[in-house]
Amino acid sequence: MTNLEVFLLIVILLIVIGGGVILYLALAGLAIIYSMGANENPKGRRIFFGVLGVVMIIAFVCASIYFHKYGWPL
């Protein structure tokens, strides 16, 4: 592989990973906002989405720490 091919592969991977991170954070934020009562749904559903949002944020932080400490697993 030439240097240009390696560079393009890295750029594509960064775009995919960056897009995934942004989407992940957006969904976590949406779940948290949804759980804070900005809707008319039953309380049980709001609690579920609140817990889901918190779990997503914790998972994101743990994954970020893991990738920083051990590097990308591939």
N, C-alpha and C. Protein backbone atom coordinates (compact mmCIF):
# COMPACT_ATOMS: atom_id res chain seq x y z
N MET A 1 0.84 -1.18 0.00
CA MET A 1 0.00 0.00 0.00
C MET A 1 0.88 1.25 0.00
N THR A 2 0.49 2.19 -0.78
CA THR A 2 1.24 3.43 -0.83
C THR A 2 0.84 4.32 0.35
N ASN A 3 1.62 5.37 0.52
CA ASN A 3 1.32 6.30 1.61
C ASN A 3 -0.04 6.97 1.42
N LEU A 4 -0.39 7.25 0.19
CA LEU A 4 -1.69 7.89 -0.08
C LEU A 4 -2.83 6.95 0.29
N GLU A 5 -2.71 5.68 -0.02
CA GLU A 5 -3.76 4.71 0.32
C GLU A 5 -3.90 4.59 1.84
N VAL A 6 -2.78 4.56 2.54
CA VAL A 6 -2.82 4.48 4.00
C VAL A 6 -3.47 5.72 4.57
N PHE A 7 -3.10 6.89 4.04
CA PHE A 7 -3.69 8.15 4.50
C PHE A 7 -5.19 8.17 4.27
N LEU A 8 -5.63 7.75 3.09
CA LEU A 8 -7.07 7.73 2.79
C LEU A 8 -7.81 6.75 3.69
N LEU A 9 -7.21 5.61 3.97
CA LEU A 9 -7.82 4.64 4.88
C LEU A 9 -7.98 5.22 6.28
N ILE A 10 -6.96 5.91 6.75
CA ILE A 10 -7.03 6.53 8.07
C ILE A 10 -8.11 7.61 8.11
N VAL A 11 -8.19 8.43 7.05
CA VAL A 11 -9.19 9.49 6.99
C VAL A 11 -10.60 8.88 7.00
N ILE A 12 -10.82 7.84 6.24
CA ILE A 12 -12.14 7.19 6.19
C ILE A 12 -12.50 6.61 7.55
N LEU A 13 -11.54 5.95 8.19
CA LEU A 13 -11.80 5.38 9.52
C LEU A 13 -12.11 6.48 10.54
N LEU A 14 -11.39 7.59 10.48
CA LEU A 14 -11.66 8.69 11.40
C LEU A 14 -13.05 9.28 11.18
N ILE A 15 -13.46 9.39 9.92
CA ILE A 15 -14.80 9.91 9.63
C ILE A 15 -15.87 8.96 10.17
N VAL A 16 -15.68 7.67 9.95
CA VAL A 16 -16.66 6.68 10.42
C VAL A 16 -16.71 6.66 11.95
N ILE A 17 -15.55 6.65 12.59
CA ILE A 17 -15.51 6.61 14.05
C ILE A 17 -16.07 7.91 14.63
N GLY A 18 -15.67 9.05 14.05
CA GLY A 18 -16.17 10.33 14.52
C GLY A 18 -17.67 10.45 14.37
N GLY A 19 -18.18 9.99 13.24
CA GLY A 19 -19.63 10.02 13.03
C GLY A 19 -20.35 9.13 14.02
N GLY A 20 -19.77 7.97 14.31
CA GLY A 20 -20.36 7.07 15.29
C GLY A 20 -20.37 7.67 16.69
N VAL A 21 -19.30 8.34 17.04
CA VAL A 21 -19.22 8.99 18.36
C VAL A 21 -20.26 10.10 18.47
N ILE A 22 -20.38 10.91 17.42
CA ILE A 22 -21.36 11.99 17.44
C ILE A 22 -22.78 11.43 17.53
N LEU A 23 -23.06 10.40 16.75
CA LEU A 23 -24.39 9.78 16.80
C LEU A 23 -24.66 9.18 18.18
N TYR A 24 -23.66 8.53 18.74
CA TYR A 24 -23.79 7.91 20.05
C TYR A 24 -24.11 8.96 21.13
N LEU A 25 -23.36 10.07 21.12
CA LEU A 25 -23.61 11.12 22.09
C LEU A 25 -24.97 11.77 21.87
N ALA A 26 -25.36 11.92 20.61
CA ALA A 26 -26.66 12.52 20.32
C ALA A 26 -27.79 11.63 20.85
N LEU A 27 -27.67 10.33 20.65
CA LEU A 27 -28.70 9.42 21.16
C LEU A 27 -28.73 9.40 22.68
N ALA A 28 -27.57 9.45 23.31
CA ALA A 28 -27.53 9.49 24.77
C ALA A 28 -28.17 10.77 25.28
N GLY A 29 -27.85 11.89 24.66
CA GLY A 29 -28.44 13.16 25.06
C GLY A 29 -29.94 13.17 24.85
N LEU A 30 -30.38 12.62 23.72
CA LEU A 30 -31.81 12.55 23.44
C LEU A 30 -32.53 11.71 24.49
N ALA A 31 -31.92 10.59 24.87
CA ALA A 31 -32.54 9.73 25.88
C ALA A 31 -32.64 10.44 27.22
N ILE A 32 -31.60 11.20 27.57
CA ILE A 32 -31.62 11.91 28.85
C ILE A 32 -32.67 13.02 28.83
N ILE A 33 -32.72 13.79 27.75
CA ILE A 33 -33.72 14.85 27.64
C ILE A 33 -35.13 14.25 27.67
N TYR A 34 -35.28 13.14 26.97
CA TYR A 34 -36.56 12.46 26.93
C TYR A 34 -37.00 12.02 28.32
N SER A 35 -36.03 11.59 29.12
CA SER A 35 -36.35 11.08 30.45
C SER A 35 -36.63 12.19 31.45
N MET A 36 -36.27 13.41 31.13
CA MET A 36 -36.43 14.51 32.09
C MET A 36 -37.84 15.09 32.08
N GLY A 37 -38.73 14.49 31.33
CA GLY A 37 -40.11 14.92 31.41
C GLY A 37 -40.55 15.84 30.29
N ALA A 38 -39.80 15.91 29.22
CA ALA A 38 -40.20 16.77 28.10
C ALA A 38 -41.18 16.02 27.20
N ASN A 39 -42.01 15.20 27.80
CA ASN A 39 -42.99 14.41 27.04
C ASN A 39 -44.17 14.11 27.95
N GLU A 40 -45.15 13.48 27.38
CA GLU A 40 -46.36 13.14 28.13
C GLU A 40 -46.50 11.63 28.35
N ASN A 41 -45.42 10.90 28.17
CA ASN A 41 -45.47 9.45 28.32
C ASN A 41 -45.46 9.04 29.79
N PRO A 42 -45.82 7.81 30.06
CA PRO A 42 -45.84 7.33 31.45
C PRO A 42 -44.46 7.41 32.11
N LYS A 43 -44.49 7.50 33.42
CA LYS A 43 -43.25 7.67 34.17
C LYS A 43 -42.29 6.50 33.99
N GLY A 44 -42.80 5.29 33.89
CA GLY A 44 -41.93 4.12 33.72
C GLY A 44 -41.09 4.20 32.46
N ARG A 45 -41.67 4.69 31.38
CA ARG A 45 -40.93 4.81 30.13
C ARG A 45 -39.84 5.88 30.24
N ARG A 46 -40.15 6.98 30.93
CA ARG A 46 -39.16 8.03 31.11
C ARG A 46 -37.99 7.53 31.95
N ILE A 47 -38.30 6.76 32.98
CA ILE A 47 -37.23 6.20 33.82
C ILE A 47 -36.36 5.25 33.00
N PHE A 48 -36.98 4.41 32.17
CA PHE A 48 -36.23 3.49 31.33
C PHE A 48 -35.26 4.24 30.42
N PHE A 49 -35.74 5.29 29.75
CA PHE A 49 -34.87 6.03 28.85
C PHE A 49 -33.81 6.82 29.62
N GLY A 50 -34.11 7.24 30.81
CA GLY A 50 -33.11 7.89 31.64
C GLY A 50 -31.98 6.96 32.00
N VAL A 51 -32.33 5.76 32.43
CA VAL A 51 -31.32 4.75 32.76
C VAL A 51 -30.53 4.39 31.51
N LEU A 52 -31.21 4.24 30.38
CA LEU A 52 -30.53 3.92 29.12
C LEU A 52 -29.54 5.02 28.75
N GLY A 53 -29.92 6.28 28.91
CA GLY A 53 -29.01 7.38 28.61
C GLY A 53 -27.79 7.38 29.51
N VAL A 54 -27.99 7.14 30.78
CA VAL A 54 -26.86 7.10 31.72
C VAL A 54 -25.94 5.93 31.38
N VAL A 55 -26.50 4.78 31.07
CA VAL A 55 -25.68 3.61 30.70
C VAL A 55 -24.89 3.90 29.43
N MET A 56 -25.49 4.57 28.46
CA MET A 56 -24.79 4.89 27.22
C MET A 56 -23.62 5.83 27.48
N ILE A 57 -23.82 6.83 28.34
CA ILE A 57 -22.74 7.76 28.65
C ILE A 57 -21.60 7.04 29.39
N ILE A 58 -21.95 6.20 30.36
CA ILE A 58 -20.93 5.45 31.10
C ILE A 58 -20.17 4.53 30.16
N ALA A 59 -20.88 3.85 29.26
CA ALA A 59 -20.22 2.96 28.30
C ALA A 59 -19.30 3.74 27.38
N PHE A 60 -19.72 4.93 26.96
CA PHE A 60 -18.87 5.76 26.11
C PHE A 60 -17.59 6.17 26.84
N VAL A 61 -17.72 6.58 28.09
CA VAL A 61 -16.54 6.98 28.87
C VAL A 61 -15.60 5.79 29.06
N CYS A 62 -16.16 4.64 29.41
CA CYS A 62 -15.33 3.45 29.60
C CYS A 62 -14.63 3.03 28.31
N ALA A 63 -15.34 3.08 27.19
CA ALA A 63 -14.73 2.74 25.91
C ALA A 63 -13.63 3.74 25.55
N SER A 64 -13.86 5.01 25.82
CA SER A 64 -12.85 6.02 25.53
C SER A 64 -11.59 5.79 26.35
N ILE A 65 -11.76 5.48 27.63
CA ILE A 65 -10.61 5.20 28.49
C ILE A 65 -9.88 3.96 28.01
N TYR A 66 -10.62 2.91 27.65
CA TYR A 66 -9.99 1.68 27.17
C TYR A 66 -9.18 1.93 25.90
N PHE A 67 -9.78 2.64 24.93
CA PHE A 67 -9.08 2.89 23.68
C PHE A 67 -7.86 3.78 23.90
N HIS A 68 -7.95 4.72 24.83
CA HIS A 68 -6.80 5.58 25.12
C HIS A 68 -5.68 4.78 25.78
N LYS A 69 -6.06 3.87 26.65
CA LYS A 69 -5.06 3.11 27.41
C LYS A 69 -4.43 1.98 26.58
N TYR A 70 -5.25 1.21 25.84
CA TYR A 70 -4.75 0.04 25.15
C TYR A 70 -4.69 0.19 23.63
N GLY A 71 -5.24 1.26 23.09
CA GLY A 71 -5.23 1.46 21.65
C GLY A 71 -6.40 0.73 20.98
N TRP A 72 -6.51 0.96 19.68
CA TRP A 72 -7.58 0.35 18.92
C TRP A 72 -7.35 -1.15 18.81
N PRO A 73 -8.34 -2.00 19.07
CA PRO A 73 -8.11 -3.45 19.14
C PRO A 73 -7.83 -4.14 17.81
N LEU A 74 -8.02 -3.47 16.70
CA LEU A 74 -7.80 -4.15 15.41
C LEU A 74 -6.36 -4.06 14.97
